[in-house]
Amino acid sequence: MLADPPPAGRHETGIDTAQRTQPPAGDRVRRSHAGLLGFMAGAVVAIAVALLIVQNTHETEIEWLFVNGDAATWLVLLITFLAGALAAMLLQFGARYSARRRR
């Protein structure tokens, strides 16, 4: 048999839903630290990539699919970095979209 639904204004845990409008203060602090940690990690990666690009200024031979030629190594690294960032954003967007559709 199915249990009786909780009364109006109450969550199935018995907590009044009006009390659950904001997360506890500790959760807000942890979330802000997670955002800061992500920002710091992204800044470190961006600085490392910038240094890699600046230090590699010579020409290199490129072979990709049916395209062959010479290009500056810094340009190849920059294009690769941007393509990776775009791929990560698209994958994150797809995961969020999929998670929202399942709700």
Protein backbone atom coordinates (compact mmCIF):
# COMPACT_ATOMS: atom_id res chain seq x y z
CA MET A 1 0.00 0.00 0.00
CA LEU A 2 1.05 3.55 -0.65
CA ALA A 3 1.72 5.92 2.23
CA ASP A 4 -0.46 8.97 2.70
CA PRO A 5 0.96 12.08 0.98
CA PRO A 6 2.48 14.69 3.29
CA PRO A 7 0.19 17.54 4.32
CA ALA A 8 0.30 20.75 2.28
CA GLY A 9 3.26 22.93 3.15
CA ARG A 10 5.29 19.98 4.38
CA HIS A 11 8.04 18.05 2.64
CA GLU A 12 8.04 14.24 2.81
CA THR A 13 10.77 14.52 5.46
CA GLY A 14 8.33 16.42 7.69
CA ILE A 15 10.21 19.72 7.42
CA ASP A 16 8.10 22.77 6.74
CA THR A 17 8.84 23.82 3.15
CA ALA A 18 8.91 27.51 4.13
CA GLN A 19 11.99 26.76 6.24
CA ARG A 20 13.81 25.19 3.29
CA THR A 21 13.95 28.27 1.04
CA GLN A 22 17.69 28.84 1.58
CA PRO A 23 20.49 26.36 2.14
CA PRO A 24 22.25 26.45 5.50
CA ALA A 25 24.98 29.08 5.79
CA GLY A 26 27.70 26.40 5.74
CA ASP A 27 26.52 25.18 2.31
CA ARG A 28 26.76 28.69 0.85
CA VAL A 29 30.33 29.04 2.09
CA ARG A 30 31.35 25.68 0.63
CA ARG A 31 29.81 26.55 -2.73
CA SER A 32 31.62 29.88 -2.88
CA HIS A 33 34.90 28.13 -2.06
CA ALA A 34 34.27 25.63 -4.84
CA GLY A 35 33.77 28.49 -7.30
CA LEU A 36 36.95 30.19 -6.11
CA LEU A 37 38.87 26.92 -6.38
CA GLY A 38 37.62 26.43 -9.95
CA PHE A 39 38.58 30.00 -10.85
CA MET A 40 42.07 29.57 -9.38
CA ALA A 41 42.61 26.26 -11.21
CA GLY A 42 41.47 27.86 -14.47
CA ALA A 43 43.82 30.80 -13.94
CA VAL A 44 46.78 28.46 -13.33
CA VAL A 45 46.00 26.50 -16.50
CA ALA A 46 45.59 29.71 -18.54
CA ILE A 47 48.93 31.05 -17.31
CA ALA A 48 50.66 27.73 -18.09
CA VAL A 49 49.19 27.71 -21.61
CA ALA A 50 50.18 31.36 -22.16
CA LEU A 51 53.77 30.57 -21.14
CA LEU A 52 53.82 27.52 -23.43
CA ILE A 53 52.60 29.65 -26.35
CA VAL A 54 55.11 32.46 -25.71
CA GLN A 55 58.05 30.05 -25.51
CA ASN A 56 57.22 28.23 -28.77
CA THR A 57 57.54 30.75 -31.57
CA HIS A 58 59.26 28.65 -34.24
CA GLU A 59 57.59 27.19 -37.35
CA THR A 60 56.37 23.62 -37.43
CA GLU A 61 54.99 21.34 -40.11
CA ILE A 62 51.29 20.51 -39.79
CA GLU A 63 49.55 17.48 -41.25
CA TRP A 64 45.85 17.20 -40.52
CA LEU A 65 43.43 15.16 -42.61
CA PHE A 66 44.04 16.44 -46.16
CA VAL A 67 45.77 19.69 -45.14
CA ASN A 68 49.56 19.98 -45.08
CA GLY A 69 51.62 23.08 -44.42
CA ASP A 70 53.77 25.12 -42.09
CA ALA A 71 52.48 27.25 -39.24
CA ALA A 72 53.81 28.99 -36.18
CA THR A 73 53.82 26.63 -33.20
CA TRP A 74 52.21 29.28 -30.98
CA LEU A 75 49.31 29.53 -33.41
CA VAL A 76 48.81 25.76 -33.46
CA LEU A 77 48.90 25.66 -29.65
CA LEU A 78 46.43 28.53 -29.38
CA ILE A 79 43.99 26.92 -31.82
CA THR A 80 44.31 23.59 -29.98
CA PHE A 81 43.67 25.24 -26.62
CA LEU A 82 40.61 27.11 -27.92
CA ALA A 83 39.23 23.95 -29.55
CA GLY A 84 39.65 22.06 -26.26
CA ALA A 85 37.92 24.83 -24.29
CA LEU A 86 35.04 24.86 -26.80
CA ALA A 87 34.71 21.08 -26.60
CA ALA A 88 34.62 21.22 -22.77
CA MET A 89 31.91 23.90 -22.82
CA LEU A 90 29.80 21.95 -25.30
CA LEU A 91 30.13 18.75 -23.26
CA GLN A 92 29.16 20.61 -20.08
CA PHE A 93 26.18 22.18 -21.83
CA GLY A 94 25.08 18.77 -23.10
CA ALA A 95 25.36 17.21 -19.65
CA ARG A 96 23.35 20.02 -18.04
CA TYR A 97 20.70 19.88 -20.76
CA SER A 98 20.42 16.12 -20.37
CA ALA A 99 20.14 16.39 -16.57
CA ARG A 100 17.36 18.99 -16.87
CA ARG A 101 15.40 16.84 -19.30
CA ARG A 102 15.49 13.90 -16.87
CA ARG A 103 13.83 15.91 -14.08
